[in-house]
Amino acid sequence: MCFTGVILNPRRQQIPELVVKRLHREIMENPHGFYIYAVNPEVYVRTLDIDEFKSLFSRVLSQRPLAVHFHFRYASVGVISVENVHGWRIGDYHVTHNGSVWAYINERILCDSLKLIMQAEFQEYLFNKQWSELYKYIVEKGFYGVMFIVNRDFSEIYAVSMGKSVKYYQIEEVTYATSGELLVGRELKSVRRENYINGVFQITHNKAKILIQKEV
């Protein structure tokens, strides 16, 4: 059911090979569309071409980017098309989602995540940073999973979770926030990991700040 996340690398460290291999495995397991947005180097790509993307993704990570936002799609709702590749721009934000939205589960063309973020209410609550209203709205729509919302310079990074944990790692001075297990039980030196679930969280290199958290 897709894989999405954010990498923050303020000291421009080398991304560990173990992490790179894990991400490439996720690419192969989620073959229906690929997105990357990075700064320093600046890259924005949404594609269905797995070979093109694997090469690009490796090249970007090897350049020790300052920040990366990515999504690998496994199609469940909606056709396999570039339109349904995550990493959609709305206003100043890029949005990805690993999960489902039950209100739009019967859509045939557009994927359920895209239908959600197209709604005027979703965009209004996001642009005004009305987190309680946004969270209540998406839960009422049957939101499940993890959504990442990133602005263009990565000064704002939000993770929205319902029923699925945001995994927050710090490994060798690089921060990873993902929608699924990154290392599958394998650890590098100096790994710190925390899980965040059922709420809205602001992600930084130093910590994940809780904006809204609810017991469900």
N, C-alpha and C. Protein backbone atom coordinates (compact mmCIF):
# COMPACT_ATOMS: atom_id res chain seq x y z
N MET A 1 0.84 -1.20 0.00
CA MET A 1 0.00 0.00 0.00
C MET A 1 0.87 1.25 0.00
N CYS A 2 1.72 1.39 -0.99
CA CYS A 2 2.56 2.58 -1.18
C CYS A 2 3.64 2.72 -0.10
N PHE A 3 4.52 3.64 -0.32
CA PHE A 3 5.55 4.01 0.64
C PHE A 3 5.88 5.47 0.41
N THR A 4 5.89 6.25 1.47
CA THR A 4 6.17 7.68 1.34
C THR A 4 6.96 8.17 2.53
N GLY A 5 7.65 9.29 2.34
CA GLY A 5 8.42 9.82 3.45
C GLY A 5 9.21 11.05 3.10
N VAL A 6 9.99 11.48 4.08
CA VAL A 6 10.81 12.69 3.98
C VAL A 6 12.20 12.37 4.54
N ILE A 7 13.22 12.87 3.87
CA ILE A 7 14.59 12.79 4.37
C ILE A 7 15.10 14.21 4.58
N LEU A 8 15.63 14.48 5.76
CA LEU A 8 16.21 15.79 6.08
C LEU A 8 17.69 15.59 6.38
N ASN A 9 18.52 16.34 5.68
CA ASN A 9 19.96 16.11 5.74
C ASN A 9 20.70 17.44 5.84
N PRO A 10 20.51 18.17 6.95
CA PRO A 10 21.04 19.54 7.04
C PRO A 10 22.56 19.64 6.98
N ARG A 11 23.25 18.57 7.32
CA ARG A 11 24.71 18.60 7.27
C ARG A 11 25.27 17.93 6.01
N ARG A 12 24.38 17.62 5.09
CA ARG A 12 24.76 17.04 3.80
C ARG A 12 25.61 15.79 3.99
N GLN A 13 25.12 14.88 4.83
CA GLN A 13 25.81 13.62 5.08
C GLN A 13 25.54 12.63 3.94
N GLN A 14 26.39 11.64 3.83
CA GLN A 14 26.16 10.55 2.88
C GLN A 14 24.99 9.71 3.38
N ILE A 15 24.03 9.42 2.51
CA ILE A 15 22.92 8.56 2.88
C ILE A 15 23.45 7.12 2.99
N PRO A 16 23.25 6.46 4.13
CA PRO A 16 23.81 5.11 4.31
C PRO A 16 23.32 4.13 3.23
N GLU A 17 24.22 3.26 2.81
CA GLU A 17 23.89 2.29 1.75
C GLU A 17 22.74 1.39 2.15
N LEU A 18 22.65 1.04 3.43
CA LEU A 18 21.55 0.21 3.90
C LEU A 18 20.21 0.88 3.67
N VAL A 19 20.15 2.18 3.90
CA VAL A 19 18.92 2.94 3.67
C VAL A 19 18.61 3.00 2.17
N VAL A 20 19.61 3.26 1.35
CA VAL A 20 19.41 3.33 -0.10
C VAL A 20 18.86 2.01 -0.64
N LYS A 21 19.42 0.90 -0.18
CA LYS A 21 18.94 -0.42 -0.63
C LYS A 21 17.51 -0.66 -0.21
N ARG A 22 17.18 -0.24 1.00
CA ARG A 22 15.81 -0.42 1.48
C ARG A 22 14.82 0.39 0.64
N LEU A 23 15.19 1.62 0.31
CA LEU A 23 14.31 2.46 -0.50
C LEU A 23 14.16 1.89 -1.90
N HIS A 24 15.21 1.34 -2.46
CA HIS A 24 15.11 0.73 -3.78
C HIS A 24 14.22 -0.52 -3.74
N ARG A 25 14.26 -1.23 -2.65
CA ARG A 25 13.35 -2.37 -2.51
C ARG A 25 11.90 -1.90 -2.50
N GLU A 26 11.64 -0.78 -1.81
CA GLU A 26 10.29 -0.22 -1.79
C GLU A 26 9.85 0.22 -3.19
N ILE A 27 10.77 0.75 -3.97
CA ILE A 27 10.44 1.12 -5.36
C ILE A 27 9.96 -0.10 -6.12
N MET A 28 10.66 -1.21 -6.00
CA MET A 28 10.30 -2.42 -6.72
C MET A 28 8.97 -3.01 -6.24
N GLU A 29 8.66 -2.83 -4.96
CA GLU A 29 7.44 -3.40 -4.40
C GLU A 29 6.22 -2.51 -4.63
N ASN A 30 6.45 -1.27 -5.06
CA ASN A 30 5.37 -0.31 -5.30
C ASN A 30 5.57 0.30 -6.69
N PRO A 31 5.22 -0.46 -7.76
CA PRO A 31 5.69 -0.13 -9.11
C PRO A 31 4.77 0.74 -9.96
N HIS A 32 3.76 1.39 -9.37
CA HIS A 32 2.73 2.02 -10.19
C HIS A 32 2.81 3.54 -10.26
N GLY A 33 3.95 4.11 -9.94
CA GLY A 33 4.13 5.55 -10.05
C GLY A 33 5.11 6.05 -9.01
N PHE A 34 5.91 7.04 -9.38
CA PHE A 34 7.03 7.46 -8.53
C PHE A 34 7.15 8.98 -8.52
N TYR A 35 7.45 9.49 -7.35
CA TYR A 35 7.57 10.94 -7.16
C TYR A 35 8.78 11.23 -6.30
N ILE A 36 9.49 12.30 -6.66
CA ILE A 36 10.55 12.82 -5.81
C ILE A 36 10.56 14.33 -5.93
N TYR A 37 10.68 14.99 -4.79
CA TYR A 37 10.92 16.43 -4.74
C TYR A 37 12.09 16.64 -3.81
N ALA A 38 13.14 17.30 -4.30
CA ALA A 38 14.34 17.51 -3.50
C ALA A 38 14.84 18.93 -3.67
N VAL A 39 15.57 19.39 -2.67
CA VAL A 39 16.27 20.68 -2.77
C VAL A 39 17.74 20.46 -2.48
N ASN A 40 18.55 21.21 -3.21
CA ASN A 40 20.02 21.10 -3.12
C ASN A 40 20.51 19.66 -3.28
N PRO A 41 20.38 19.03 -4.44
CA PRO A 41 19.94 19.59 -5.72
C PRO A 41 18.42 19.67 -5.81
N GLU A 42 17.93 20.61 -6.63
CA GLU A 42 16.49 20.78 -6.80
C GLU A 42 15.98 19.86 -7.90
N VAL A 43 15.03 19.00 -7.54
CA VAL A 43 14.46 18.03 -8.47
C VAL A 43 12.98 17.89 -8.16
N TYR A 44 12.15 17.87 -9.21
CA TYR A 44 10.73 17.56 -9.04
C TYR A 44 10.31 16.68 -10.20
N VAL A 45 10.00 15.41 -9.90
CA VAL A 45 9.64 14.45 -10.94
C VAL A 45 8.48 13.60 -10.47
N ARG A 46 7.50 13.38 -11.35
CA ARG A 46 6.43 12.41 -11.17
C ARG A 46 6.40 11.58 -12.45
N THR A 47 6.54 10.27 -12.32
CA THR A 47 6.70 9.44 -13.51
C THR A 47 6.15 8.04 -13.27
N LEU A 48 5.86 7.34 -14.39
CA LEU A 48 5.50 5.93 -14.33
C LEU A 48 6.67 5.04 -14.72
N ASP A 49 7.76 5.62 -15.14
CA ASP A 49 8.90 4.87 -15.67
C ASP A 49 9.82 4.44 -14.53
N ILE A 50 9.78 3.17 -14.18
CA ILE A 50 10.53 2.69 -13.02
C ILE A 50 12.03 2.74 -13.25
N ASP A 51 12.48 2.43 -14.45
CA ASP A 51 13.92 2.45 -14.71
C ASP A 51 14.47 3.87 -14.66
N GLU A 52 13.73 4.80 -15.27
CA GLU A 52 14.13 6.21 -15.22
C GLU A 52 14.19 6.68 -13.77
N PHE A 53 13.19 6.30 -12.99
CA PHE A 53 13.12 6.79 -11.62
C PHE A 53 14.22 6.19 -10.75
N LYS A 54 14.47 4.90 -10.88
CA LYS A 54 15.52 4.27 -10.07
C LYS A 54 16.86 4.96 -10.30
N SER A 55 17.16 5.26 -11.55
CA SER A 55 18.41 5.93 -11.87
C SER A 55 18.45 7.33 -11.27
N LEU A 56 17.35 8.07 -11.43
CA LEU A 56 17.26 9.43 -10.89
C LEU A 56 17.36 9.42 -9.38
N PHE A 57 16.64 8.53 -8.73
CA PHE A 57 16.60 8.47 -7.27
C PHE A 57 18.00 8.19 -6.71
N SER A 58 18.70 7.24 -7.33
CA SER A 58 20.06 6.94 -6.89
C SER A 58 20.97 8.14 -7.06
N ARG A 59 20.82 8.83 -8.18
CA ARG A 59 21.68 9.99 -8.45
C ARG A 59 21.43 11.10 -7.46
N VAL A 60 20.17 11.36 -7.15
CA VAL A 60 19.84 12.43 -6.21
C VAL A 60 20.38 12.09 -4.82
N LEU A 61 20.16 10.87 -4.35
CA LEU A 61 20.64 10.50 -3.02
C LEU A 61 22.16 10.54 -2.93
N SER A 62 22.84 10.22 -4.02
CA SER A 62 24.31 10.23 -4.00
C SER A 62 24.87 11.65 -3.89
N GLN A 63 24.05 12.66 -4.22
CA GLN A 63 24.49 14.05 -4.15
C GLN A 63 24.25 14.68 -2.78
N ARG A 64 23.91 13.85 -1.81
CA ARG A 64 23.72 14.30 -0.43
C ARG A 64 22.75 15.49 -0.34
N PRO A 65 21.52 15.29 -0.80
CA PRO A 65 20.56 16.39 -0.85
C PRO A 65 20.25 16.95 0.54
N LEU A 66 19.88 18.22 0.57
CA LEU A 66 19.50 18.86 1.83
C LEU A 66 18.18 18.29 2.36
N ALA A 67 17.25 18.01 1.43
CA ALA A 67 15.94 17.47 1.83
C ALA A 67 15.30 16.77 0.64
N VAL A 68 14.53 15.71 0.94
CA VAL A 68 13.87 14.92 -0.09
C VAL A 68 12.48 14.53 0.40
N HIS A 69 11.50 14.61 -0.49
CA HIS A 69 10.15 14.11 -0.24
C HIS A 69 9.86 13.12 -1.36
N PHE A 70 9.35 11.93 -1.04
CA PHE A 70 9.19 10.90 -2.07
C PHE A 70 7.93 10.08 -1.83
N HIS A 71 7.47 9.41 -2.89
CA HIS A 71 6.33 8.50 -2.81
C HIS A 71 6.47 7.46 -3.90
N PHE A 72 6.23 6.19 -3.53
CA PHE A 72 6.20 5.09 -4.49
C PHE A 72 4.80 4.48 -4.40
N ARG A 73 4.09 4.43 -5.52
CA ARG A 73 2.67 4.07 -5.49
C ARG A 73 2.43 2.58 -5.78
N TYR A 74 1.52 2.01 -5.00
CA TYR A 74 0.91 0.72 -5.32
C TYR A 74 -0.57 0.99 -5.53
N ALA A 75 -1.03 0.88 -6.77
CA ALA A 75 -2.39 1.32 -7.12
C ALA A 75 -3.44 0.42 -6.48
N SER A 76 -4.37 1.03 -5.78
CA SER A 76 -5.51 0.31 -5.22
C SER A 76 -6.82 0.92 -5.71
N VAL A 77 -6.88 2.24 -5.76
CA VAL A 77 -8.05 2.95 -6.26
C VAL A 77 -7.59 3.86 -7.38
N GLY A 78 -8.30 3.85 -8.51
CA GLY A 78 -7.92 4.70 -9.63
C GLY A 78 -6.95 4.01 -10.57
N VAL A 79 -6.91 4.49 -11.78
CA VAL A 79 -6.08 3.88 -12.81
C VAL A 79 -4.60 4.21 -12.57
N ILE A 80 -3.74 3.46 -13.26
CA ILE A 80 -2.31 3.74 -13.24
C ILE A 80 -2.05 4.81 -14.29
N SER A 81 -1.80 6.03 -13.82
CA SER A 81 -1.60 7.16 -14.72
C SER A 81 -0.72 8.19 -14.04
N VAL A 82 -0.13 9.07 -14.82
CA VAL A 82 0.70 10.14 -14.24
C VAL A 82 -0.14 11.03 -13.35
N GLU A 83 -1.40 11.27 -13.73
CA GLU A 83 -2.28 12.11 -12.91
C GLU A 83 -2.41 11.56 -11.49
N ASN A 84 -2.39 10.25 -11.36
CA ASN A 84 -2.57 9.63 -10.05
C ASN A 84 -1.26 9.41 -9.29
N VAL A 85 -0.13 9.79 -9.88
CA VAL A 85 1.14 9.72 -9.16
C VAL A 85 1.14 10.80 -8.08
N HIS A 86 1.43 10.42 -6.88
CA HIS A 86 1.39 11.35 -5.75
C HIS A 86 2.50 12.40 -5.88
N GLY A 87 2.50 13.29 -4.90
CA GLY A 87 3.35 14.46 -4.97
C GLY A 87 2.64 15.59 -5.68
N TRP A 88 1.32 15.71 -5.40
CA TRP A 88 0.52 16.75 -6.05
C TRP A 88 0.80 18.11 -5.41
N ARG A 89 0.87 19.11 -6.25
CA ARG A 89 1.06 20.48 -5.77
C ARG A 89 -0.30 21.13 -5.54
N ILE A 90 -0.50 21.63 -4.33
CA ILE A 90 -1.67 22.47 -4.05
C ILE A 90 -1.16 23.69 -3.30
N GLY A 91 -1.31 24.84 -3.93
CA GLY A 91 -0.75 26.05 -3.35
C GLY A 91 0.76 25.92 -3.24
N ASP A 92 1.27 26.14 -2.04
CA ASP A 92 2.71 26.08 -1.81
C ASP A 92 3.15 24.70 -1.33
N TYR A 93 2.25 23.72 -1.37
CA TYR A 93 2.53 22.43 -0.76
C TYR A 93 2.57 21.29 -1.77
N HIS A 94 3.32 20.25 -1.42
CA HIS A 94 3.28 18.96 -2.10
C HIS A 94 2.68 17.96 -1.12
N VAL A 95 1.78 17.10 -1.61
CA VAL A 95 1.05 16.19 -0.74
C VAL A 95 1.20 14.75 -1.23
N THR A 96 1.53 13.82 -0.31
CA THR A 96 1.55 12.40 -0.60
C THR A 96 0.77 11.65 0.48
N HIS A 97 0.33 10.44 0.15
CA HIS A 97 -0.48 9.67 1.11
C HIS A 97 -0.24 8.18 0.91
N ASN A 98 0.00 7.47 1.98
CA ASN A 98 0.04 6.01 1.99
C ASN A 98 -1.16 5.55 2.80
N GLY A 99 -2.19 5.07 2.10
CA GLY A 99 -3.37 4.64 2.82
C GLY A 99 -4.59 4.67 1.92
N SER A 100 -5.74 4.96 2.52
CA SER A 100 -7.00 4.95 1.78
C SER A 100 -7.93 6.02 2.33
N VAL A 101 -8.93 6.37 1.52
CA VAL A 101 -9.98 7.31 1.91
C VAL A 101 -11.30 6.67 1.51
N TRP A 102 -12.05 6.18 2.48
CA TRP A 102 -13.22 5.35 2.18
C TRP A 102 -14.31 6.09 1.44
N ALA A 103 -14.41 7.39 1.59
CA ALA A 103 -15.44 8.16 0.88
C ALA A 103 -15.24 8.08 -0.64
N TYR A 104 -14.01 7.79 -1.08
CA TYR A 104 -13.71 7.78 -2.51
C TYR A 104 -13.19 6.43 -2.97
N ILE A 105 -13.49 5.38 -2.23
CA ILE A 105 -12.92 4.08 -2.50
C ILE A 105 -13.45 3.46 -3.79
N ASN A 106 -14.61 3.93 -4.27
CA ASN A 106 -15.20 3.38 -5.48
C ASN A 106 -14.87 4.17 -6.73
N GLU A 107 -13.97 5.15 -6.61
CA GLU A 107 -13.55 5.91 -7.78
C GLU A 107 -12.87 4.99 -8.80
N ARG A 108 -13.17 5.21 -10.07
CA ARG A 108 -12.61 4.36 -11.12
C ARG A 108 -11.41 5.00 -11.80
N ILE A 109 -11.40 6.33 -11.93
CA ILE A 109 -10.34 7.00 -12.68
C ILE A 109 -9.32 7.63 -11.73
N LEU A 110 -9.77 8.57 -10.92
CA LEU A 110 -8.86 9.24 -9.99
C LEU A 110 -8.65 8.39 -8.75
N CYS A 111 -7.47 8.48 -8.15
CA CYS A 111 -7.25 7.75 -6.90
C CYS A 111 -7.90 8.49 -5.74
N ASP A 112 -8.17 7.77 -4.68
CA ASP A 112 -8.91 8.32 -3.54
C ASP A 112 -8.15 9.45 -2.86
N SER A 113 -6.83 9.35 -2.80
CA SER A 113 -6.04 10.41 -2.15
C SER A 113 -6.15 11.72 -2.92
N LEU A 114 -6.10 11.65 -4.25
CA LEU A 114 -6.22 12.86 -5.06
C LEU A 114 -7.59 13.47 -4.91
N LYS A 115 -8.64 12.65 -4.88
CA LYS A 115 -9.99 13.18 -4.69
C LYS A 115 -10.10 13.94 -3.37
N LEU A 116 -9.45 13.43 -2.32
CA LEU A 116 -9.50 14.09 -1.02
C LEU A 116 -8.87 15.46 -1.08
N ILE A 117 -7.66 15.57 -1.62
CA ILE A 117 -6.97 16.85 -1.56
C ILE A 117 -7.54 17.86 -2.55
N MET A 118 -8.35 17.38 -3.50
CA MET A 118 -9.02 18.30 -4.43
C MET A 118 -10.19 19.03 -3.78
N GLN A 119 -10.67 18.52 -2.64
CA GLN A 119 -11.85 19.11 -2.01
C GLN A 119 -11.53 20.49 -1.45
N ALA A 120 -12.47 21.43 -1.65
CA ALA A 120 -12.26 22.81 -1.21
C ALA A 120 -12.05 22.89 0.30
N GLU A 121 -12.76 22.05 1.05
CA GLU A 121 -12.61 22.08 2.51
C GLU A 121 -11.21 21.67 2.93
N PHE A 122 -10.68 20.62 2.32
CA PHE A 122 -9.33 20.18 2.64
C PHE A 122 -8.33 21.30 2.41
N GLN A 123 -8.42 21.95 1.26
CA GLN A 123 -7.47 23.00 0.93
C GLN A 123 -7.62 24.22 1.83
N GLU A 124 -8.86 24.57 2.15
CA GLU A 124 -9.09 25.72 3.03
C GLU A 124 -8.47 25.48 4.41
N TYR A 125 -8.71 24.30 4.99
CA TYR A 125 -8.18 24.00 6.31
C TYR A 125 -6.66 23.95 6.29
N LEU A 126 -6.09 23.39 5.22
CA LEU A 126 -4.64 23.31 5.12
C LEU A 126 -4.02 24.70 4.99
N PHE A 127 -4.51 25.49 4.05
CA PHE A 127 -3.91 26.80 3.79
C PHE A 127 -3.99 27.71 5.02
N ASN A 128 -5.06 27.53 5.82
CA ASN A 128 -5.23 28.34 7.04
C ASN A 128 -4.65 27.66 8.28
N LYS A 129 -4.04 26.50 8.07
CA LYS A 129 -3.42 25.73 9.17
C LYS A 129 -4.41 25.48 10.32
N GLN A 130 -5.62 25.13 9.93
CA GLN A 130 -6.66 24.78 10.90
C GLN A 130 -6.59 23.27 11.12
N TRP A 131 -5.65 22.84 11.96
CA TRP A 131 -5.33 21.43 12.06
C TRP A 131 -6.46 20.61 12.66
N SER A 132 -7.13 21.12 13.66
CA SER A 132 -8.23 20.37 14.26
C SER A 132 -9.35 20.15 13.24
N GLU A 133 -9.68 21.21 12.49
CA GLU A 133 -10.73 21.11 11.48
C GLU A 133 -10.31 20.18 10.35
N LEU A 134 -9.05 20.28 9.94
CA LEU A 134 -8.57 19.41 8.88
C LEU A 134 -8.62 17.95 9.30
N TYR A 135 -8.16 17.68 10.52
CA TYR A 135 -8.13 16.29 10.97
C TYR A 135 -9.54 15.72 11.12
N LYS A 136 -10.44 16.50 11.69
CA LYS A 136 -11.83 16.06 11.83
C LYS A 136 -12.43 15.79 10.46
N TYR A 137 -12.14 16.66 9.49
CA TYR A 137 -12.71 16.52 8.15
C TYR A 137 -12.24 15.24 7.48
N ILE A 138 -10.93 14.96 7.51
CA ILE A 138 -10.44 13.79 6.80
C ILE A 138 -10.86 12.50 7.50
N VAL A 139 -10.95 12.51 8.83
CA VAL A 139 -11.42 11.33 9.55
C VAL A 139 -12.86 11.03 9.16
N GLU A 140 -13.67 12.07 9.03
CA GLU A 140 -15.05 11.88 8.60
C GLU A 140 -15.15 11.32 7.19
N LYS A 141 -14.13 11.58 6.38
CA LYS A 141 -14.10 11.04 5.01
C LYS A 141 -13.59 9.60 4.98
N GLY A 142 -13.21 9.07 6.13
CA GLY A 142 -12.71 7.71 6.17
C GLY A 142 -11.23 7.59 5.87
N PHE A 143 -10.47 8.60 6.27
CA PHE A 143 -9.03 8.61 6.05
C PHE A 143 -8.35 7.54 6.88
N TYR A 144 -7.42 6.82 6.24
CA TYR A 144 -6.57 5.86 6.94
C TYR A 144 -5.16 5.99 6.38
N GLY A 145 -4.15 5.88 7.25
CA GLY A 145 -2.78 5.85 6.78
C GLY A 145 -1.97 7.05 7.23
N VAL A 146 -0.99 7.41 6.40
CA VAL A 146 -0.08 8.51 6.70
C VAL A 146 0.02 9.43 5.49
N MET A 147 -0.15 10.72 5.72
CA MET A 147 -0.02 11.74 4.68
C MET A 147 1.13 12.67 5.06
N PHE A 148 1.97 13.00 4.08
CA PHE A 148 3.02 14.00 4.28
C PHE A 148 2.69 15.24 3.45
N ILE A 149 2.84 16.41 4.07
CA ILE A 149 2.57 17.69 3.43
C ILE A 149 3.83 18.54 3.59
N VAL A 150 4.44 18.92 2.48
CA VAL A 150 5.74 19.59 2.49
C VAL A 150 5.67 20.85 1.65
N ASN A 151 6.17 21.97 2.17
CA ASN A 151 6.19 23.18 1.35
C ASN A 151 7.48 23.23 0.52
N ARG A 152 7.60 24.26 -0.31
CA ARG A 152 8.63 24.22 -1.35
C ARG A 152 10.05 24.30 -0.83
N ASP A 153 10.27 24.93 0.31
CA ASP A 153 11.64 25.01 0.82
C ASP A 153 11.86 24.10 2.04
N PHE A 154 10.89 23.24 2.32
CA PHE A 154 10.96 22.29 3.44
C PHE A 154 11.00 22.97 4.80
N SER A 155 10.59 24.24 4.86
CA SER A 155 10.50 24.89 6.17
C SER A 155 9.24 24.46 6.92
N GLU A 156 8.27 23.89 6.19
CA GLU A 156 7.07 23.33 6.79
C GLU A 156 6.93 21.89 6.31
N ILE A 157 6.93 20.96 7.25
CA ILE A 157 6.73 19.55 6.94
C ILE A 157 5.74 19.00 7.95
N TYR A 158 4.62 18.49 7.45
CA TYR A 158 3.60 17.95 8.34
C TYR A 158 3.33 16.49 7.99
N ALA A 159 3.11 15.69 9.02
CA ALA A 159 2.69 14.31 8.85
C ALA A 159 1.32 14.15 9.50
N VAL A 160 0.39 13.57 8.77
CA VAL A 160 -0.96 13.34 9.28
C VAL A 160 -1.17 11.83 9.35
N SER A 161 -1.59 11.35 10.50
CA SER A 161 -1.70 9.91 10.71
C SER A 161 -3.06 9.53 11.27
N MET A 162 -3.60 8.41 10.74
CA MET A 162 -4.81 7.82 11.32
C MET A 162 -4.71 6.31 11.15
N GLY A 163 -4.55 5.62 12.26
CA GLY A 163 -4.52 4.16 12.25
C GLY A 163 -3.22 3.56 11.78
N LYS A 164 -2.24 4.38 11.40
CA LYS A 164 -0.95 3.89 10.93
C LYS A 164 0.13 4.84 11.42
N SER A 165 1.23 4.28 11.92
CA SER A 165 2.25 5.10 12.55
C SER A 165 3.13 5.84 11.55
N VAL A 166 3.50 7.06 11.93
CA VAL A 166 4.61 7.76 11.29
C VAL A 166 5.87 7.27 12.00
N LYS A 167 6.81 6.72 11.23
CA LYS A 167 8.07 6.26 11.80
C LYS A 167 9.09 7.40 11.68
N TYR A 168 9.67 7.78 12.79
CA TYR A 168 10.60 8.92 12.82
C TYR A 168 11.96 8.41 13.27
N TYR A 169 12.94 8.48 12.38
CA TYR A 169 14.28 7.96 12.65
C TYR A 169 15.31 9.09 12.59
N GLN A 170 16.35 8.95 13.38
CA GLN A 170 17.56 9.75 13.19
C GLN A 170 18.73 8.79 13.13
N ILE A 171 19.42 8.80 12.01
CA ILE A 171 20.51 7.86 11.75
C ILE A 171 21.71 8.67 11.26
N GLU A 172 22.77 8.67 12.04
CA GLU A 172 24.00 9.34 11.64
C GLU A 172 23.74 10.78 11.15
N GLU A 173 22.98 11.52 11.94
CA GLU A 173 22.68 12.94 11.72
C GLU A 173 21.80 13.20 10.50
N VAL A 174 21.14 12.16 10.02
CA VAL A 174 20.14 12.32 8.97
C VAL A 174 18.80 11.90 9.56
N THR A 175 17.74 12.66 9.26
CA THR A 175 16.40 12.35 9.77
C THR A 175 15.56 11.75 8.65
N TYR A 176 14.85 10.69 9.01
CA TYR A 176 13.92 10.03 8.09
C TYR A 176 12.56 9.96 8.77
N ALA A 177 11.53 10.41 8.10
CA ALA A 177 10.16 10.21 8.57
C ALA A 177 9.44 9.47 7.46
N THR A 178 8.91 8.29 7.77
CA THR A 178 8.33 7.45 6.73
C THR A 178 6.99 6.88 7.18
N SER A 179 6.25 6.34 6.20
CA SER A 179 4.93 5.76 6.48
C SER A 179 5.02 4.28 6.78
N GLY A 180 6.20 3.71 6.72
CA GLY A 180 6.38 2.29 7.00
C GLY A 180 7.76 2.03 7.57
N GLU A 181 8.00 0.79 7.93
CA GLU A 181 9.28 0.39 8.53
C GLU A 181 10.40 0.59 7.51
N LEU A 182 11.39 1.36 7.89
CA LEU A 182 12.47 1.67 6.95
C LEU A 182 13.56 0.61 6.93
N LEU A 183 13.94 0.13 8.10
CA LEU A 183 15.09 -0.78 8.18
C LEU A 183 14.70 -2.23 8.46
N VAL A 184 13.42 -2.51 8.60
CA VAL A 184 12.93 -3.87 8.78
C VAL A 184 13.71 -4.63 9.86
N GLY A 185 13.86 -3.98 11.00
CA GLY A 185 14.50 -4.62 12.13
C GLY A 185 16.02 -4.53 12.14
N ARG A 186 16.61 -4.08 11.04
CA ARG A 186 18.07 -3.94 10.99
C ARG A 186 18.43 -2.52 11.42
N GLU A 187 19.53 -2.38 12.13
CA GLU A 187 19.88 -1.08 12.68
C GLU A 187 21.30 -0.69 12.32
N LEU A 188 21.48 0.61 12.12
CA LEU A 188 22.81 1.20 12.00
C LEU A 188 23.20 1.76 13.37
N LYS A 189 24.42 2.19 13.49
CA LYS A 189 24.84 2.82 14.73
C LYS A 189 24.10 4.14 14.94
N SER A 190 23.86 4.46 16.18
CA SER A 190 23.25 5.74 16.57
C SER A 190 21.88 5.95 15.94
N VAL A 191 21.05 4.91 15.99
CA VAL A 191 19.69 5.01 15.48
C VAL A 191 18.75 5.36 16.62
N ARG A 192 17.96 6.39 16.42
CA ARG A 192 16.88 6.71 17.36
C ARG A 192 15.57 6.65 16.59
N ARG A 193 14.60 5.96 17.13
CA ARG A 193 13.33 5.82 16.42
C ARG A 193 12.17 6.06 17.36
N GLU A 194 11.18 6.81 16.86
CA GLU A 194 9.94 7.05 17.59
C GLU A 194 8.78 6.86 16.62
N ASN A 195 7.62 6.51 17.17
CA ASN A 195 6.42 6.35 16.36
C ASN A 195 5.37 7.38 16.78
N TYR A 196 4.67 7.91 15.81
CA TYR A 196 3.61 8.88 16.06
C TYR A 196 2.36 8.40 15.33
N ILE A 197 1.21 8.43 16.02
CA ILE A 197 0.00 7.87 15.44
C ILE A 197 -1.22 8.69 15.86
N ASN A 198 -2.20 8.78 14.96
CA ASN A 198 -3.49 9.42 15.19
C ASN A 198 -3.36 10.91 15.53
N GLY A 199 -2.93 11.68 14.55
CA GLY A 199 -2.86 13.12 14.76
C GLY A 199 -2.14 13.83 13.64
N VAL A 200 -1.78 15.08 13.92
CA VAL A 200 -1.02 15.92 13.00
C VAL A 200 0.28 16.30 13.68
N PHE A 201 1.39 16.09 13.00
CA PHE A 201 2.70 16.29 13.58
C PHE A 201 3.55 17.16 12.66
N GLN A 202 4.30 18.08 13.24
CA GLN A 202 5.22 18.89 12.45
C GLN A 202 6.60 18.28 12.56
N ILE A 203 7.17 17.93 11.41
CA ILE A 203 8.44 17.23 11.36
C ILE A 203 9.57 18.24 11.18
N THR A 204 10.61 18.11 11.99
CA THR A 204 11.85 18.87 11.80
C THR A 204 13.01 17.90 11.94
N HIS A 205 14.20 18.39 11.70
CA HIS A 205 15.38 17.55 11.88
C HIS A 205 15.59 17.20 13.34
N ASN A 206 15.12 18.03 14.24
CA ASN A 206 15.37 17.83 15.67
C ASN A 206 14.32 16.97 16.36
N LYS A 207 13.07 17.05 15.88
CA LYS A 207 12.01 16.31 16.56
C LYS A 207 10.73 16.38 15.74
N ALA A 208 9.76 15.59 16.17
CA ALA A 208 8.41 15.67 15.62
C ALA A 208 7.52 16.35 16.67
N LYS A 209 7.05 17.53 16.37
CA LYS A 209 6.21 18.28 17.28
C LYS A 209 4.75 17.87 17.10
N ILE A 210 4.07 17.59 18.20
CA ILE A 210 2.67 17.20 18.14
C ILE A 210 1.79 18.43 18.03
N LEU A 211 1.05 18.55 16.94
CA LEU A 211 0.09 19.65 16.76
C LEU A 211 -1.31 19.21 17.21
N ILE A 212 -1.71 18.02 16.79
CA ILE A 212 -2.98 17.44 17.21
C ILE A 212 -2.74 15.96 17.42
N GLN A 213 -3.18 15.41 18.54
CA GLN A 213 -3.10 13.97 18.73
C GLN A 213 -4.33 13.50 19.46
N LYS A 214 -4.95 12.44 18.93
CA LYS A 214 -6.21 11.96 19.48
C LYS A 214 -6.13 10.46 19.74
N GLU A 215 -6.73 10.05 20.84
CA GLU A 215 -6.90 8.63 21.10
C GLU A 215 -8.11 8.15 20.31
N VAL A 216 -7.94 7.06 19.61
CA VAL A 216 -9.03 6.52 18.78
C VAL A 216 -9.32 5.10 19.20
